[in-house]
Amino acid sequence: GPFANVYDLGNLVEEGPENARVARIPVPNSPELEARRRMGAGGIRGYHDFYVAYHPDSGQDRFYGGGAGGYYVYDITDLDSPE
């Protein structure tokens, strides 16, 4: 789907896979993908490379992801509301 799943490995080990997913990071719709769809070329919304890291200058947990429509950075300190 048009998102990246975030898993808590502690939940996975202690409770099993049914409780491991804790959030989804959205893939924004982009003008490039919309243009490809209009031309009939399709376009899959998704990330091809991504990682999460702590950003010490801001004190945020950040998601960095490259996808078909560009490169995106989200503040995921609050997993319920990625910005």
PDB file of N, CA and C in Angstrom:
ATOM      1  N   GLY A   1       0.807  -1.184   0.000  1.00  0.00           N
ATOM      2  CA  GLY A   1       0.000   0.000   0.000  1.00  0.00           C
ATOM      3  C   GLY A   1       0.852   1.250   0.000  1.00  0.00           C
ATOM      4  N   PRO A   2       0.225   2.384  -0.027  1.00  0.00           N
ATOM      5  CA  PRO A   2       0.963   3.651  -0.076  1.00  0.00           C
ATOM      6  C   PRO A   2       1.457   4.101   1.297  1.00  0.00           C
ATOM      7  N   PHE A   3       2.230   3.247   1.946  1.00  0.00           N
ATOM      8  CA  PHE A   3       2.751   3.572   3.262  1.00  0.00           C
ATOM      9  C   PHE A   3       3.891   2.621   3.598  1.00  0.00           C
ATOM     10  N   ALA A   4       4.644   2.972   4.632  1.00  0.00           N
ATOM     11  CA  ALA A   4       5.663   2.080   5.192  1.00  0.00           C
ATOM     12  C   ALA A   4       5.188   1.671   6.581  1.00  0.00           C
ATOM     13  N   ASN A   5       5.254   0.405   6.877  1.00  0.00           N
ATOM     14  CA  ASN A   5       4.873  -0.086   8.194  1.00  0.00           C
ATOM     15  C   ASN A   5       6.005   0.121   9.188  1.00  0.00           C
ATOM     16  N   VAL A   6       5.645   0.446  10.430  1.00  0.00           N
ATOM     17  CA  VAL A   6       6.611   0.587  11.521  1.00  0.00           C
ATOM     18  C   VAL A   6       6.286  -0.494  12.547  1.00  0.00           C
ATOM     19  N   TYR A   7       7.305  -1.271  12.897  1.00  0.00           N
ATOM     20  CA  TYR A   7       7.127  -2.376  13.836  1.00  0.00           C
ATOM     21  C   TYR A   7       7.925  -2.147  15.110  1.00  0.00           C
ATOM     22  N   ASP A   8       7.378  -2.589  16.224  1.00  0.00           N
ATOM     23  CA  ASP A   8       8.069  -2.574  17.510  1.00  0.00           C
ATOM     24  C   ASP A   8       8.605  -3.985  17.736  1.00  0.00           C
ATOM     25  N   LEU A   9       9.928  -4.136  17.677  1.00  0.00           N
ATOM     26  CA  LEU A   9      10.512  -5.466  17.809  1.00  0.00           C
ATOM     27  C   LEU A   9      10.286  -6.063  19.193  1.00  0.00           C
ATOM     28  N   GLY A  10      10.188  -5.212  20.214  1.00  0.00           N
ATOM     29  CA  GLY A  10       9.859  -5.717  21.548  1.00  0.00           C
ATOM     30  C   GLY A  10       8.490  -6.379  21.558  1.00  0.00           C
ATOM     31  N   ASN A  11       7.510  -5.742  20.919  1.00  0.00           N
ATOM     32  CA  ASN A  11       6.177  -6.338  20.807  1.00  0.00           C
ATOM     33  C   ASN A  11       6.223  -7.632  20.009  1.00  0.00           C
ATOM     34  N   LEU A  12       7.005  -7.646  18.952  1.00  0.00           N
ATOM     35  CA  LEU A  12       7.111  -8.845  18.122  1.00  0.00           C
ATOM     36  C   LEU A  12       7.623 -10.025  18.941  1.00  0.00           C
ATOM     37  N   VAL A  13       8.687  -9.800  19.699  1.00  0.00           N
ATOM     38  CA  VAL A  13       9.289 -10.881  20.488  1.00  0.00           C
ATOM     39  C   VAL A  13       8.375 -11.308  21.635  1.00  0.00           C
ATOM     40  N   GLU A  14       7.804 -10.339  22.334  1.00  0.00           N
ATOM     41  CA  GLU A  14       7.031 -10.651  23.533  1.00  0.00           C
ATOM     42  C   GLU A  14       5.586 -11.059  23.259  1.00  0.00           C
ATOM     43  N   GLU A  15       4.971 -10.485  22.212  1.00  0.00           N
ATOM     44  CA  GLU A  15       3.541 -10.702  21.993  1.00  0.00           C
ATOM     45  C   GLU A  15       3.212 -11.374  20.670  1.00  0.00           C
ATOM     46  N   GLY A  16       4.158 -11.427  19.759  1.00  0.00           N
ATOM     47  CA  GLY A  16       3.910 -12.043  18.465  1.00  0.00           C
ATOM     48  C   GLY A  16       3.618 -11.017  17.390  1.00  0.00           C
ATOM     49  N   PRO A  17       3.549 -11.472  16.149  1.00  0.00           N
ATOM     50  CA  PRO A  17       3.419 -10.549  15.012  1.00  0.00           C
ATOM     51  C   PRO A  17       2.106  -9.780  14.955  1.00  0.00           C
ATOM     52  N   GLU A  18       1.051 -10.307  15.553  1.00  0.00           N
ATOM     53  CA  GLU A  18      -0.242  -9.619  15.460  1.00  0.00           C
ATOM     54  C   GLU A  18      -0.254  -8.280  16.189  1.00  0.00           C
ATOM     55  N   ASN A  19       0.677  -8.056  17.117  1.00  0.00           N
ATOM     56  CA  ASN A  19       0.739  -6.786  17.849  1.00  0.00           C
ATOM     57  C   ASN A  19       2.009  -5.995  17.565  1.00  0.00           C
ATOM     58  N   ALA A  20       2.743  -6.390  16.555  1.00  0.00           N
ATOM     59  CA  ALA A  20       4.047  -5.766  16.308  1.00  0.00           C
ATOM     60  C   ALA A  20       3.948  -4.442  15.546  1.00  0.00           C
ATOM     61  N   ARG A  21       2.991  -4.316  14.621  1.00  0.00           N
ATOM     62  CA  ARG A  21       2.900  -3.065  13.856  1.00  0.00           C
ATOM     63  C   ARG A  21       2.334  -1.963  14.739  1.00  0.00           C
ATOM     64  N   VAL A  22       3.076  -0.845  14.819  1.00  0.00           N
ATOM     65  CA  VAL A  22       2.657   0.256  15.689  1.00  0.00           C
ATOM     66  C   VAL A  22       2.283   1.521  14.920  1.00  0.00           C
ATOM     67  N   ALA A  23       2.624   1.592  13.641  1.00  0.00           N
ATOM     68  CA  ALA A  23       2.299   2.802  12.873  1.00  0.00           C
ATOM     69  C   ALA A  23       2.474   2.539  11.384  1.00  0.00           C
ATOM     70  N   ARG A  24       1.960   3.478  10.603  1.00  0.00           N
ATOM     71  CA  ARG A  24       2.160   3.508   9.149  1.00  0.00           C
ATOM     72  C   ARG A  24       2.592   4.916   8.769  1.00  0.00           C
ATOM     73  N   ILE A  25       3.648   4.998   7.969  1.00  0.00           N
ATOM     74  CA  ILE A  25       4.135   6.285   7.479  1.00  0.00           C
ATOM     75  C   ILE A  25       3.614   6.441   6.053  1.00  0.00           C
ATOM     76  N   PRO A  26       2.850   7.495   5.769  1.00  0.00           N
ATOM     77  CA  PRO A  26       2.245   7.635   4.444  1.00  0.00           C
ATOM     78  C   PRO A  26       3.255   7.981   3.357  1.00  0.00           C
ATOM     79  N   VAL A  27       2.911   7.607   2.134  1.00  0.00           N
ATOM     80  CA  VAL A  27       3.651   8.041   0.950  1.00  0.00           C
ATOM     81  C   VAL A  27       2.812   9.141   0.313  1.00  0.00           C
ATOM     82  N   PRO A  28       3.323  10.366   0.264  1.00  0.00           N
ATOM     83  CA  PRO A  28       2.530  11.446  -0.328  1.00  0.00           C
ATOM     84  C   PRO A  28       2.293  11.224  -1.820  1.00  0.00           C
ATOM     85  N   ASN A  29       1.171  11.686  -2.284  1.00  0.00           N
ATOM     86  CA  ASN A  29       0.932  11.694  -3.721  1.00  0.00           C
ATOM     87  C   ASN A  29       1.747  12.846  -4.288  1.00  0.00           C
ATOM     88  N   SER A  30       2.368  12.653  -5.428  1.00  0.00           N
ATOM     89  CA  SER A  30       3.223  13.698  -5.986  1.00  0.00           C
ATOM     90  C   SER A  30       2.776  14.053  -7.395  1.00  0.00           C
ATOM     91  N   PRO A  31       3.105  15.254  -7.866  1.00  0.00           N
ATOM     92  CA  PRO A  31       2.774  15.638  -9.239  1.00  0.00           C
ATOM     93  C   PRO A  31       3.408  14.697 -10.270  1.00  0.00           C
ATOM     94  N   GLU A  32       4.606  14.192  -9.971  1.00  0.00           N
ATOM     95  CA  GLU A  32       5.274  13.285 -10.905  1.00  0.00           C
ATOM     96  C   GLU A  32       4.481  11.992 -11.083  1.00  0.00           C
ATOM     97  N   LEU A  33       4.010  11.434  -9.979  1.00  0.00           N
ATOM     98  CA  LEU A  33       3.224  10.206 -10.073  1.00  0.00           C
ATOM     99  C   LEU A  33       1.893  10.449 -10.764  1.00  0.00           C
ATOM    100  N   GLU A  34       1.256  11.571 -10.471  1.00  0.00           N
ATOM    101  CA  GLU A  34      -0.008  11.893 -11.138  1.00  0.00           C
ATOM    102  C   GLU A  34       0.199  12.048 -12.640  1.00  0.00           C
ATOM    103  N   ALA A  35       1.283  12.684 -13.051  1.00  0.00           N
ATOM    104  CA  ALA A  35       1.574  12.847 -14.479  1.00  0.00           C
ATOM    105  C   ALA A  35       1.791  11.492 -15.138  1.00  0.00           C
ATOM    106  N   ARG A  36       2.491  10.597 -14.486  1.00  0.00           N
ATOM    107  CA  ARG A  36       2.716   9.254 -15.039  1.00  0.00           C
ATOM    108  C   ARG A  36       1.404   8.504 -15.186  1.00  0.00           C
ATOM    109  N   ARG A  37       0.524   8.644 -14.208  1.00  0.00           N
ATOM    110  CA  ARG A  37      -0.775   7.965 -14.288  1.00  0.00           C
ATOM    111  C   ARG A  37      -1.598   8.508 -15.453  1.00  0.00           C
ATOM    112  N   ARG A  38      -1.579   9.839 -15.639  1.00  0.00           N
ATOM    113  CA  ARG A  38      -2.346  10.442 -16.740  1.00  0.00           C
ATOM    114  C   ARG A  38      -1.834   9.973 -18.094  1.00  0.00           C
ATOM    115  N   MET A  39      -0.535   9.707 -18.187  1.00  0.00           N
ATOM    116  CA  MET A  39       0.055   9.248 -19.449  1.00  0.00           C
ATOM    117  C   MET A  39      -0.104   7.740 -19.636  1.00  0.00           C
ATOM    118  N   GLY A  40      -0.707   7.078 -18.656  1.00  0.00           N
ATOM    119  CA  GLY A  40      -0.913   5.644 -18.763  1.00  0.00           C
ATOM    120  C   GLY A  40       0.291   4.817 -18.351  1.00  0.00           C
ATOM    121  N   ALA A  41       1.297   5.463 -17.774  1.00  0.00           N
ATOM    122  CA  ALA A  41       2.514   4.743 -17.388  1.00  0.00           C
ATOM    123  C   ALA A  41       2.376   4.089 -16.026  1.00  0.00           C
ATOM    124  N   GLY A  42       1.283   4.331 -15.362  1.00  0.00           N
ATOM    125  CA  GLY A  42       1.128   3.773 -14.022  1.00  0.00           C
ATOM    126  C   GLY A  42       1.979   4.521 -13.031  1.00  0.00           C
ATOM    127  N   GLY A  43       2.305   3.885 -12.036  1.00  0.00           N
ATOM    128  CA  GLY A  43       3.110   4.493 -10.987  1.00  0.00           C
ATOM    129  C   GLY A  43       2.748   3.869  -9.663  1.00  0.00           C
ATOM    130  N   ILE A  44       3.694   3.271  -9.066  1.00  0.00           N
ATOM    131  CA  ILE A  44       3.455   2.617  -7.794  1.00  0.00           C
ATOM    132  C   ILE A  44       3.884   3.553  -6.679  1.00  0.00           C
ATOM    133  N   ARG A  45       2.958   3.840  -5.791  1.00  0.00           N
ATOM    134  CA  ARG A  45       3.294   4.663  -4.629  1.00  0.00           C
ATOM    135  C   ARG A  45       3.885   3.752  -3.574  1.00  0.00           C
ATOM    136  N   GLY A  46       5.113   4.015  -3.229  1.00  0.00           N
ATOM    137  CA  GLY A  46       5.779   3.223  -2.206  1.00  0.00           C
ATOM    138  C   GLY A  46       7.203   3.703  -2.041  1.00  0.00           C
ATOM    139  N   TYR A  47       7.831   3.238  -0.994  1.00  0.00           N
ATOM    140  CA  TYR A  47       9.227   3.576  -0.745  1.00  0.00           C
ATOM    141  C   TYR A  47      10.113   2.454  -1.261  1.00  0.00           C
ATOM    142  N   HIS A  48      11.268   2.823  -1.834  1.00  0.00           N
ATOM    143  CA  HIS A  48      12.216   1.779  -2.233  1.00  0.00           C
ATOM    144  C   HIS A  48      13.371   1.685  -1.255  1.00  0.00           C
ATOM    145  N   ASP A  49      13.666   2.731  -0.540  1.00  0.00           N
ATOM    146  CA  ASP A  49      14.692   2.727   0.505  1.00  0.00           C
ATOM    147  C   ASP A  49      14.238   3.652   1.624  1.00  0.00           C
ATOM    148  N   PHE A  50      14.417   3.227   2.857  1.00  0.00           N
ATOM    149  CA  PHE A  50      14.068   4.106   3.969  1.00  0.00           C
ATOM    150  C   PHE A  50      14.747   3.646   5.247  1.00  0.00           C
ATOM    151  N   TYR A  51      14.845   4.574   6.184  1.00  0.00           N
ATOM    152  CA  TYR A  51      15.359   4.243   7.509  1.00  0.00           C
ATOM    153  C   TYR A  51      14.846   5.258   8.514  1.00  0.00           C
ATOM    154  N   VAL A  52      14.953   4.905   9.783  1.00  0.00           N
ATOM    155  CA  VAL A  52      14.537   5.764  10.884  1.00  0.00           C
ATOM    156  C   VAL A  52      15.758   6.034  11.748  1.00  0.00           C
ATOM    157  N   ALA A  53      15.907   7.284  12.169  1.00  0.00           N
ATOM    158  CA  ALA A  53      17.049   7.649  13.011  1.00  0.00           C
ATOM    159  C   ALA A  53      16.659   8.799  13.929  1.00  0.00           C
ATOM    160  N   TYR A  54      17.368   8.882  15.034  1.00  0.00           N
ATOM    161  CA  TYR A  54      17.209  10.005  15.953  1.00  0.00           C
ATOM    162  C   TYR A  54      18.012  11.181  15.410  1.00  0.00           C
ATOM    163  N   HIS A  55      17.394  12.370  15.399  1.00  0.00           N
ATOM    164  CA  HIS A  55      18.043  13.585  14.917  1.00  0.00           C
ATOM    165  C   HIS A  55      18.401  14.434  16.133  1.00  0.00           C
ATOM    166  N   PRO A  56      19.677  14.417  16.568  1.00  0.00           N
ATOM    167  CA  PRO A  56      20.046  15.077  17.826  1.00  0.00           C
ATOM    168  C   PRO A  56      19.863  16.589  17.836  1.00  0.00           C
ATOM    169  N   ASP A  57      20.013  17.247  16.690  1.00  0.00           N
ATOM    170  CA  ASP A  57      19.863  18.707  16.659  1.00  0.00           C
ATOM    171  C   ASP A  57      18.435  19.149  16.967  1.00  0.00           C
ATOM    172  N   SER A  58      17.455  18.345  16.547  1.00  0.00           N
ATOM    173  CA  SER A  58      16.055  18.710  16.760  1.00  0.00           C
ATOM    174  C   SER A  58      15.405  17.927  17.895  1.00  0.00           C
ATOM    175  N   GLY A  59      16.028  16.830  18.321  1.00  0.00           N
ATOM    176  CA  GLY A  59      15.420  15.977  19.336  1.00  0.00           C
ATOM    177  C   GLY A  59      14.286  15.129  18.800  1.00  0.00           C
ATOM    178  N   GLN A  60      14.217  14.974  17.488  1.00  0.00           N
ATOM    179  CA  GLN A  60      13.134  14.230  16.845  1.00  0.00           C
ATOM    180  C   GLN A  60      13.606  12.847  16.404  1.00  0.00           C
ATOM    181  N   ASP A  61      12.649  11.928  16.342  1.00  0.00           N
ATOM    182  CA  ASP A  61      12.848  10.677  15.625  1.00  0.00           C
ATOM    183  C   ASP A  61      12.376  10.958  14.203  1.00  0.00           C
ATOM    184  N   ARG A  62      13.204  10.638  13.223  1.00  0.00           N
ATOM    185  CA  ARG A  62      12.853  10.969  11.839  1.00  0.00           C
ATOM    186  C   ARG A  62      12.865   9.742  10.942  1.00  0.00           C
ATOM    187  N   PHE A  63      11.927   9.771  10.005  1.00  0.00           N
ATOM    188  CA  PHE A  63      11.837   8.772   8.949  1.00  0.00           C
ATOM    189  C   PHE A  63      12.372   9.418   7.685  1.00  0.00           C
ATOM    190  N   TYR A  64      13.293   8.746   7.016  1.00  0.00           N
ATOM    191  CA  TYR A  64      13.854   9.218   5.750  1.00  0.00           C
ATOM    192  C   TYR A  64      13.508   8.174   4.700  1.00  0.00           C
ATOM    193  N   GLY A  65      12.791   8.576   3.644  1.00  0.00           N
ATOM    194  CA  GLY A  65      12.379   7.591   2.650  1.00  0.00           C
ATOM    195  C   GLY A  65      12.421   8.110   1.237  1.00  0.00           C
ATOM    196  N   GLY A  66      12.989   7.315   0.350  1.00  0.00           N
ATOM    197  CA  GLY A  66      12.993   7.609  -1.076  1.00  0.00           C
ATOM    198  C   GLY A  66      11.942   6.763  -1.767  1.00  0.00           C
ATOM    199  N   GLY A  67      11.179   7.397  -2.636  1.00  0.00           N
ATOM    200  CA  GLY A  67      10.143   6.685  -3.363  1.00  0.00           C
ATOM    201  C   GLY A  67      10.043   7.187  -4.785  1.00  0.00           C
ATOM    202  N   ALA A  68       9.055   6.680  -5.495  1.00  0.00           N
ATOM    203  CA  ALA A  68       8.890   7.031  -6.902  1.00  0.00           C
ATOM    204  C   ALA A  68       8.644   8.524  -7.099  1.00  0.00           C
ATOM    205  N   GLY A  69       8.042   9.189  -6.132  1.00  0.00           N
ATOM    206  CA  GLY A  69       7.720  10.597  -6.286  1.00  0.00           C
ATOM    207  C   GLY A  69       8.698  11.550  -5.638  1.00  0.00           C
ATOM    208  N   GLY A  70       9.775  11.050  -5.043  1.00  0.00           N
ATOM    209  CA  GLY A  70      10.734  11.945  -4.414  1.00  0.00           C
ATOM    210  C   GLY A  70      11.321  11.360  -3.149  1.00  0.00           C
ATOM    211  N   TYR A  71      11.945  12.231  -2.370  1.00  0.00           N
ATOM    212  CA  TYR A  71      12.569  11.842  -1.107  1.00  0.00           C
ATOM    213  C   TYR A  71      11.844  12.575   0.008  1.00  0.00           C
ATOM    214  N   TYR A  72      11.437  11.858   1.045  1.00  0.00           N
ATOM    215  CA  TYR A  72      10.589  12.429   2.080  1.00  0.00           C
ATOM    216  C   TYR A  72      11.212  12.258   3.457  1.00  0.00           C
ATOM    217  N   VAL A  73      11.018  13.257   4.305  1.00  0.00           N
ATOM    218  CA  VAL A  73      11.474  13.209   5.691  1.00  0.00           C
ATOM    219  C   VAL A  73      10.270  13.534   6.571  1.00  0.00           C
ATOM    220  N   TYR A  74       9.999  12.657   7.520  1.00  0.00           N
ATOM    221  CA  TYR A  74       8.903  12.866   8.463  1.00  0.00           C
ATOM    222  C   TYR A  74       9.444  12.900   9.880  1.00  0.00           C
ATOM    223  N   ASP A  75       8.876  13.773  10.704  1.00  0.00           N
ATOM    224  CA  ASP A  75       9.084  13.718  12.145  1.00  0.00           C
ATOM    225  C   ASP A  75       8.117  12.657  12.654  1.00  0.00           C
ATOM    226  N   ILE A  76       8.657  11.558  13.170  1.00  0.00           N
ATOM    227  CA  ILE A  76       7.799  10.478  13.656  1.00  0.00           C
ATOM    228  C   ILE A  76       7.913  10.316  15.172  1.00  0.00           C
ATOM    229  N   THR A  77       8.311  11.384  15.851  1.00  0.00           N
ATOM    230  CA  THR A  77       8.401  11.329  17.307  1.00  0.00           C
ATOM    231  C   THR A  77       7.067  10.878  17.894  1.00  0.00           C
ATOM    232  N   ASP A  78       5.965  11.378  17.344  1.00  0.00           N
ATOM    233  CA  ASP A  78       4.622  10.915  17.691  1.00  0.00           C
ATOM    234  C   ASP A  78       4.170  10.019  16.543  1.00  0.00           C
ATOM    235  N   LEU A  79       4.262   8.708  16.723  1.00  0.00           N
ATOM    236  CA  LEU A  79       3.943   7.775  15.638  1.00  0.00           C
ATOM    237  C   LEU A  79       2.499   7.866  15.171  1.00  0.00           C
ATOM    238  N   ASP A  80       1.613   8.372  16.013  1.00  0.00           N
ATOM    239  CA  ASP A  80       0.216   8.509  15.613  1.00  0.00           C
ATOM    240  C   ASP A  80      -0.012   9.690  14.678  1.00  0.00           C
ATOM    241  N   SER A  81       0.951  10.609  14.608  1.00  0.00           N
ATOM    242  CA  SER A  81       0.805  11.809  13.778  1.00  0.00           C
ATOM    243  C   SER A  81       2.122  12.166  13.096  1.00  0.00           C
ATOM    244  N   PRO A  82       2.569  11.360  12.128  1.00  0.00           N
ATOM    245  CA  PRO A  82       3.814  11.722  11.433  1.00  0.00           C
ATOM    246  C   PRO A  82       3.646  13.036  10.686  1.00  0.00           C
ATOM    247  N   GLU A  83       4.674  13.875  10.773  1.00  0.00           N
ATOM    248  CA  GLU A  83       4.612  15.190  10.109  1.00  0.00           C
ATOM    249  C   GLU A  83       5.723  15.311   9.096  1.00  0.00           C
TER     250      GLU A  83
END
